[in-house]
């Protein structure tokens, strides 16, 4: 595929929910850190893609040491992560040269090549594409005190990589930050672009707890 792609891997989070001094993107999964798995996965998908990683500047040297330790030579650009994920993406967009952009959570290391392919392929017929899984559990809406059942079939769990035509994503990120922006699709939706949904893979879990990490370690085996 001759379309030039930019991949933004977000690793700005400092792991507030993990009982760990080290940010979760650097924790070991199998025999190497989470973020290295993620980087390798996208490089395997498209060795020509431009890869940018957003990371708090304080952790740049730590990451560079990890790359040396694990002898990783995949070219990529480090972008200083902002106050919110939104600002990290804004920073990264200044450096994107691709016609299409994927934004992926660094702590989703087991995204499949097939999922990445489905997302980019769907950009043929949409300006925004989001990988999802159907909700498995019954879902209730409300509070602990007052709630009601909703139709599970109408709900999806949202994953990454979320893929966009570059001009659309840049236009969306020209907006001021709003707390309703929880992912890139919500930012793009605010300028009137409805994302197309495609299937994700079940292993594409976001590591937010020790249990997630244990689960992914088991999946790797």
Protein backbone atom coordinates (compact mmCIF):
# COMPACT_ATOMS: atom_id res chain seq x y z
CA UNK A 1 0.00 0.00 0.00
CA UNK A 2 1.53 3.26 -1.15
CA UNK A 3 -0.42 5.50 1.24
CA UNK A 4 1.96 7.05 3.73
CA UNK A 5 0.90 6.36 7.29
CA UNK A 6 1.72 7.98 10.59
CA UNK A 7 1.25 6.02 13.82
CA UNK A 8 0.96 7.91 17.10
CA UNK A 9 1.50 5.64 20.10
CA UNK A 10 0.39 7.36 23.29
CA UNK A 11 2.39 6.53 26.39
CA UNK A 12 1.80 9.71 28.34
CA UNK A 13 0.14 8.04 31.32
CA UNK A 14 1.98 7.68 34.60
CA UNK A 15 0.04 4.63 35.75
CA UNK A 16 -1.96 6.14 38.60
CA UNK A 17 -4.07 2.97 38.87
CA UNK A 18 -1.16 0.54 38.93
CA UNK A 19 0.56 -0.22 42.22
CA UNK A 20 3.90 0.41 40.61
CA UNK A 21 6.61 3.05 40.68
CA UNK A 22 7.29 2.49 37.01
CA UNK A 23 4.71 3.69 34.45
CA UNK A 24 2.75 0.69 33.13
CA UNK A 25 4.03 1.08 29.56
CA UNK A 26 7.49 0.06 30.87
CA UNK A 27 6.40 -2.98 32.90
CA UNK A 28 7.56 -6.37 31.67
CA UNK A 29 5.22 -8.39 29.51
CA UNK A 30 6.78 -11.76 28.78
CA UNK A 31 10.47 -10.95 28.35
CA UNK A 32 10.27 -7.28 27.33
CA UNK A 33 8.51 -4.04 28.27
CA UNK A 34 4.91 -3.42 27.18
CA UNK A 35 5.73 -0.41 25.00
CA UNK A 36 8.38 -2.34 23.06
CA UNK A 37 5.75 -4.97 22.16
CA UNK A 38 3.45 -2.20 20.91
CA UNK A 39 6.20 -0.51 18.88
CA UNK A 40 7.21 -3.84 17.30
CA UNK A 41 3.62 -4.70 16.41
CA UNK A 42 3.09 -1.52 14.36
CA UNK A 43 6.51 -1.75 12.76
CA UNK A 44 5.68 -5.33 11.71
CA UNK A 45 2.40 -4.10 10.20
CA UNK A 46 4.09 -1.37 8.14
CA UNK A 47 7.90 -1.00 8.27
CA UNK A 48 7.57 2.20 6.20
CA UNK A 49 5.15 3.95 8.57
CA UNK A 50 6.22 7.04 10.50
CA UNK A 51 6.00 6.17 14.21
CA UNK A 52 5.70 8.80 16.94
CA UNK A 53 5.57 7.99 20.65
CA UNK A 54 4.19 10.50 23.13
CA UNK A 55 5.94 10.22 26.48
CA UNK A 56 6.49 12.55 29.46
CA UNK A 57 9.85 14.26 28.80
CA UNK A 58 11.12 13.05 32.21
CA UNK A 59 10.99 9.47 30.87
CA UNK A 60 12.77 10.03 27.53
CA UNK A 61 16.17 8.88 28.77
CA UNK A 62 14.66 5.89 30.60
CA UNK A 63 13.02 4.81 27.33
CA UNK A 64 16.19 5.35 25.33
CA UNK A 65 18.08 3.15 27.80
CA UNK A 66 15.42 0.43 27.42
CA UNK A 67 15.74 0.55 23.63
CA UNK A 68 19.50 0.09 23.99
CA UNK A 69 19.11 -2.75 26.53
CA UNK A 70 16.72 -4.65 24.27
CA UNK A 71 18.61 -3.71 21.09
CA UNK A 72 15.56 -2.17 19.45
CA UNK A 73 16.39 -0.20 16.31
CA UNK A 74 12.93 0.66 15.02
CA UNK A 75 13.04 4.34 13.99
CA UNK A 76 10.55 6.55 15.79
CA UNK A 77 10.17 10.08 17.08
CA UNK A 78 9.61 10.99 20.73
CA UNK A 79 7.01 13.67 21.43
CA UNK A 80 6.70 15.32 24.84
CA UNK A 81 3.37 14.25 26.35
CA UNK A 82 1.11 17.12 27.40
CA UNK A 83 -1.06 17.74 30.44
CA UNK A 84 -3.88 15.62 29.00
CA UNK A 85 -3.81 12.93 26.31
CA UNK A 86 -5.52 15.55 24.07
CA UNK A 87 -2.49 17.85 24.31
CA UNK A 88 -0.07 14.98 23.65
CA UNK A 89 -1.89 14.20 20.41
CA UNK A 90 -1.94 17.90 19.47
CA UNK A 91 1.85 17.97 19.92
CA UNK A 92 2.33 14.80 17.86
CA UNK A 93 0.13 16.05 15.00
CA UNK A 94 2.59 18.88 14.35
CA UNK A 95 5.11 16.25 13.24
CA UNK A 96 2.87 13.81 11.32
CA UNK A 97 3.73 13.49 7.64
CA UNK A 98 1.37 10.65 6.65
CA UNK A 99 -1.89 10.97 4.69
CA UNK A 100 -3.51 8.67 7.24
CA UNK A 101 -2.98 8.60 10.99
CA UNK A 102 -3.57 5.86 13.55
CA UNK A 103 -3.61 6.71 17.24
CA UNK A 104 -2.98 3.77 19.56
CA UNK A 105 -2.70 3.30 23.32
CA UNK A 106 0.84 2.21 24.17
CA UNK A 107 -0.62 -0.05 26.86
CA UNK A 108 -2.56 -2.17 24.30
CA UNK A 109 0.42 -4.33 23.24
CA UNK A 110 -1.55 -7.28 21.87
CA UNK A 111 -3.45 -5.51 19.11
CA UNK A 112 -3.42 -7.91 16.16
CA UNK A 113 -2.00 -7.10 12.74
CA UNK A 114 -5.46 -8.04 11.38
CA UNK A 115 -7.14 -5.39 13.55
CA UNK A 116 -4.68 -2.73 12.38
CA UNK A 117 -5.26 -3.83 8.77
CA UNK A 118 -9.06 -3.69 9.17
CA UNK A 119 -8.85 -0.16 10.57
CA UNK A 120 -6.68 1.22 7.78
CA UNK A 121 -8.59 -0.66 5.06
CA UNK A 122 -11.87 0.90 6.27
CA UNK A 123 -10.37 4.38 5.69
CA UNK A 124 -11.10 3.62 2.04
CA UNK A 125 -14.76 4.37 2.77
CA UNK A 126 -14.66 6.62 5.87
CA UNK A 127 -12.68 9.51 7.34
CA UNK A 128 -12.65 8.00 10.84
CA UNK A 129 -12.49 4.34 11.90
CA UNK A 130 -12.74 2.86 15.38
CA UNK A 131 -12.14 -0.79 16.38
CA UNK A 132 -14.70 -2.12 18.86
CA UNK A 133 -15.95 -5.27 20.52
CA UNK A 134 -19.63 -5.91 21.23
CA UNK A 135 -20.44 -5.69 24.96
CA UNK A 136 -20.61 -9.22 26.43
CA UNK A 137 -22.06 -8.46 29.84
CA UNK A 138 -25.53 -7.17 30.61
CA UNK A 139 -25.35 -3.42 31.09
CA UNK A 140 -27.13 -1.11 33.51
CA UNK A 141 -27.15 2.67 33.40
CA UNK A 142 -27.43 4.96 36.40
CA UNK A 143 -26.02 4.99 39.92
CA UNK A 144 -25.79 2.36 42.68
CA UNK A 145 -28.99 3.81 44.16
CA UNK A 146 -31.00 4.05 40.95
CA UNK A 147 -30.39 2.24 37.67
CA UNK A 148 -32.11 0.59 34.74
CA UNK A 149 -31.23 -2.12 32.25
CA UNK A 150 -30.21 -1.05 28.75
CA UNK A 151 -30.01 -3.05 25.52
CA UNK A 152 -26.54 -4.55 25.40
CA UNK A 153 -26.77 -4.97 21.61
CA UNK A 154 -26.61 -1.19 21.22
CA UNK A 155 -23.31 -0.82 23.11
CA UNK A 156 -19.70 -1.36 22.06
CA UNK A 157 -16.38 -1.35 23.89
CA UNK A 158 -14.02 1.08 22.17
CA UNK A 159 -10.42 0.10 21.42
CA UNK A 160 -7.53 1.54 19.44
CA UNK A 161 -5.93 2.04 16.91
CA UNK A 162 -8.40 4.69 15.85
CA UNK A 163 -7.59 5.71 12.28
CA UNK A 164 -8.27 8.94 10.44
CA UNK A 165 -7.69 10.88 7.29
CA UNK A 166 -4.92 13.28 8.39
CA UNK A 167 -6.70 16.50 7.39
CA UNK A 168 -9.78 15.48 9.43
CA UNK A 169 -7.82 14.65 12.58
CA UNK A 170 -5.79 17.87 12.37
CA UNK A 171 -8.99 19.88 11.90
CA UNK A 172 -10.59 18.16 14.91
CA UNK A 173 -7.58 18.85 17.13
CA UNK A 174 -7.70 22.55 16.28
CA UNK A 175 -10.65 22.70 18.73
CA UNK A 176 -10.10 23.74 22.35
CA UNK A 177 -9.86 20.86 24.84
CA UNK A 178 -13.13 19.65 26.41
CA UNK A 179 -13.55 17.07 29.20
CA UNK A 180 -15.92 15.02 26.98
CA UNK A 181 -12.95 14.11 24.77
CA UNK A 182 -12.06 10.63 26.08
CA UNK A 183 -10.58 9.34 22.81
CA UNK A 184 -9.84 10.57 19.30
CA UNK A 185 -13.22 9.51 17.90
CA UNK A 186 -14.98 11.81 20.38
CA UNK A 187 -12.80 14.74 19.23
CA UNK A 188 -13.58 14.04 15.57
CA UNK A 189 -17.28 13.53 16.33
CA UNK A 190 -17.37 17.08 17.72
CA UNK A 191 -16.67 18.42 14.20
CA UNK A 192 -19.50 16.31 12.78
CA UNK A 193 -17.66 13.21 11.52
CA UNK A 194 -19.27 9.91 12.54
CA UNK A 195 -16.71 7.10 12.85
CA UNK A 196 -17.14 3.78 11.08
CA UNK A 197 -16.89 0.81 13.46
CA UNK A 198 -14.84 -2.30 12.69
CA UNK A 199 -14.09 -5.38 14.79
CA UNK A 200 -11.14 -5.35 17.17
CA UNK A 201 -9.48 -8.47 18.59
CA UNK A 202 -10.21 -9.70 22.12
CA UNK A 203 -6.54 -9.70 23.15
CA UNK A 204 -6.39 -5.96 22.45
CA UNK A 205 -6.76 -5.27 26.17
CA UNK A 206 -5.72 -2.00 27.78
CA UNK A 207 -3.42 -2.58 30.74
CA UNK A 208 -4.84 -0.58 33.64
CA UNK A 209 -4.39 -3.05 36.51
CA UNK A 210 -2.11 -5.84 37.68
CA UNK A 211 -4.81 -8.34 36.65
CA UNK A 212 -4.68 -7.07 33.04
CA UNK A 213 -0.93 -7.56 33.01
CA UNK A 214 -1.27 -11.12 34.39
CA UNK A 215 -3.92 -11.86 31.78
CA UNK A 216 -1.73 -10.64 28.91
CA UNK A 217 1.23 -12.61 30.26
CA UNK A 218 -0.96 -15.73 30.17
CA UNK A 219 -2.09 -14.89 26.60
CA UNK A 220 1.51 -14.52 25.44
CA UNK A 221 2.25 -18.06 26.62
